[in-house]
Amino acid sequence: MTLIAAVPGTWFARFEGREGDDEWGELDGGLMHSEVIAWDGEGFALVVDRETGRLGRAAEREGFAGMCDAVEKAEAETTEEEVLERVQRGKAEREKRERKTGG
């Protein structure tokens, strides 16, 4: 099998958990992301199978919901409180800038 190493931290496979499914250590039925370790010769993303410790095709794993890059992963993992805090911080910075420039 031909393998092409993935750039670390760049691509992730997204999996949908089921309520009560603790395979990923998450019990809320939410999303889990698994880092792509390599690509096989046919272009499929390979991730670590936690049970066997072997690489396997992400698309063939139960719950596979697609691929995302690091930015999309970070956005998906952002809580509502973090978004609100970011918006408030941006508003405060704009107001400060406007006071300095007078408008």
Protein backbone atom coordinates (compact mmCIF):
# COMPACT_ATOMS: atom_id res chain seq x y z
CA MET A 1 0.00 0.00 0.00
CA THR A 2 1.33 3.40 -0.99
CA LEU A 3 1.15 6.06 1.73
CA ILE A 4 1.62 9.80 1.45
CA ALA A 5 2.29 11.50 4.78
CA ALA A 6 -0.17 14.23 5.74
CA VAL A 7 1.03 17.60 6.98
CA PRO A 8 0.42 17.46 10.76
CA GLY A 9 -2.51 19.53 12.03
CA THR A 10 -3.84 20.37 8.57
CA TRP A 11 -6.68 17.95 7.76
CA PHE A 12 -9.18 16.21 10.01
CA ALA A 13 -11.88 13.60 9.52
CA ARG A 14 -15.15 14.51 11.21
CA PHE A 15 -17.24 11.84 12.93
CA GLU A 16 -20.71 12.13 14.40
CA GLY A 17 -21.05 10.49 17.77
CA ARG A 18 -24.17 8.76 19.00
CA GLU A 19 -25.82 9.44 22.32
CA GLY A 20 -24.06 7.28 24.91
CA ASP A 21 -21.23 6.37 22.51
CA ASP A 22 -18.01 6.57 24.51
CA GLU A 23 -15.68 5.16 21.83
CA TRP A 24 -14.25 8.67 21.45
CA GLY A 25 -14.60 9.61 25.09
CA GLU A 26 -17.58 11.82 24.29
CA LEU A 27 -21.02 11.00 25.60
CA ASP A 28 -22.97 13.92 24.17
CA GLY A 29 -23.53 12.63 20.66
CA GLY A 30 -21.57 15.56 19.24
CA LEU A 31 -18.80 15.81 16.68
CA MET A 32 -15.33 14.34 17.06
CA HIS A 33 -12.35 15.13 14.87
CA SER A 34 -9.54 12.73 14.11
CA GLU A 35 -6.32 14.03 12.56
CA VAL A 36 -5.43 12.66 9.12
CA ILE A 37 -2.08 10.87 9.45
CA ALA A 38 -1.60 9.94 5.80
CA TRP A 39 -3.34 9.52 2.44
CA ASP A 40 -3.42 6.17 0.69
CA GLY A 41 -2.54 5.60 -2.96
CA GLU A 42 -6.17 6.15 -3.98
CA GLY A 43 -6.39 9.48 -2.14
CA PHE A 44 -8.37 8.32 0.89
CA ALA A 45 -7.64 9.94 4.25
CA LEU A 46 -6.15 7.55 6.82
CA VAL A 47 -6.73 7.96 10.56
CA VAL A 48 -5.72 5.89 13.57
CA ASP A 49 -8.16 3.19 14.62
CA ARG A 50 -8.09 3.50 18.40
CA GLU A 51 -9.06 -0.12 18.97
CA THR A 52 -6.43 -1.72 16.75
CA GLY A 53 -3.80 1.03 16.67
CA ARG A 54 -3.67 0.73 12.88
CA LEU A 55 -4.35 3.19 10.12
CA GLY A 56 -7.67 2.87 8.35
CA ARG A 57 -9.70 4.83 5.85
CA ALA A 58 -11.69 7.53 7.59
CA ALA A 59 -14.55 7.19 5.10
CA GLU A 60 -15.03 3.55 6.09
CA ARG A 61 -15.34 4.25 9.83
CA GLU A 62 -18.75 4.35 11.47
CA GLY A 63 -20.07 7.87 11.90
CA PHE A 64 -17.86 9.44 9.20
CA ALA A 65 -19.35 12.86 8.40
CA GLY A 66 -16.74 14.41 6.10
CA MET A 67 -13.42 16.21 6.11
CA CYS A 68 -12.41 19.61 7.40
CA ASP A 69 -9.29 21.71 7.69
CA ALA A 70 -7.82 23.11 10.90
CA VAL A 71 -9.80 26.38 10.65
CA GLU A 72 -13.14 24.59 10.28
CA LYS A 73 -12.23 22.27 13.17
CA ALA A 74 -11.44 25.23 15.43
CA GLU A 75 -14.71 26.92 14.50
CA ALA A 76 -16.68 23.74 15.17
CA GLU A 77 -15.09 23.42 18.61
CA THR A 78 -15.74 27.05 19.59
CA THR A 79 -18.35 27.37 22.30
CA GLU A 80 -21.15 29.93 22.26
CA GLU A 81 -19.52 31.74 25.18
CA GLU A 82 -16.22 32.03 23.28
CA VAL A 83 -18.01 33.47 20.25
CA LEU A 84 -19.80 36.03 22.44
CA GLU A 85 -16.52 36.96 24.13
CA ARG A 86 -14.81 37.40 20.74
CA VAL A 87 -17.66 39.62 19.49
CA GLN A 88 -17.57 41.77 22.64
CA ARG A 89 -13.78 42.10 22.44
CA GLY A 90 -14.03 43.17 18.78
CA LYS A 91 -16.71 45.73 19.62
CA ALA A 92 -14.57 47.19 22.43
CA GLU A 93 -11.54 47.44 20.12
CA ARG A 94 -13.61 49.21 17.43
CA GLU A 95 -14.98 51.68 19.97
CA LYS A 96 -11.48 52.37 21.27
CA ARG A 97 -10.20 52.92 17.71
CA GLU A 98 -13.11 55.24 16.95
CA ARG A 99 -12.41 57.34 20.06
CA LYS A 100 -8.77 57.69 19.01
CA THR A 101 -9.60 58.70 15.44
CA GLY A 102 -12.66 60.76 16.34
CA GLY A 103 -15.10 58.94 14.24
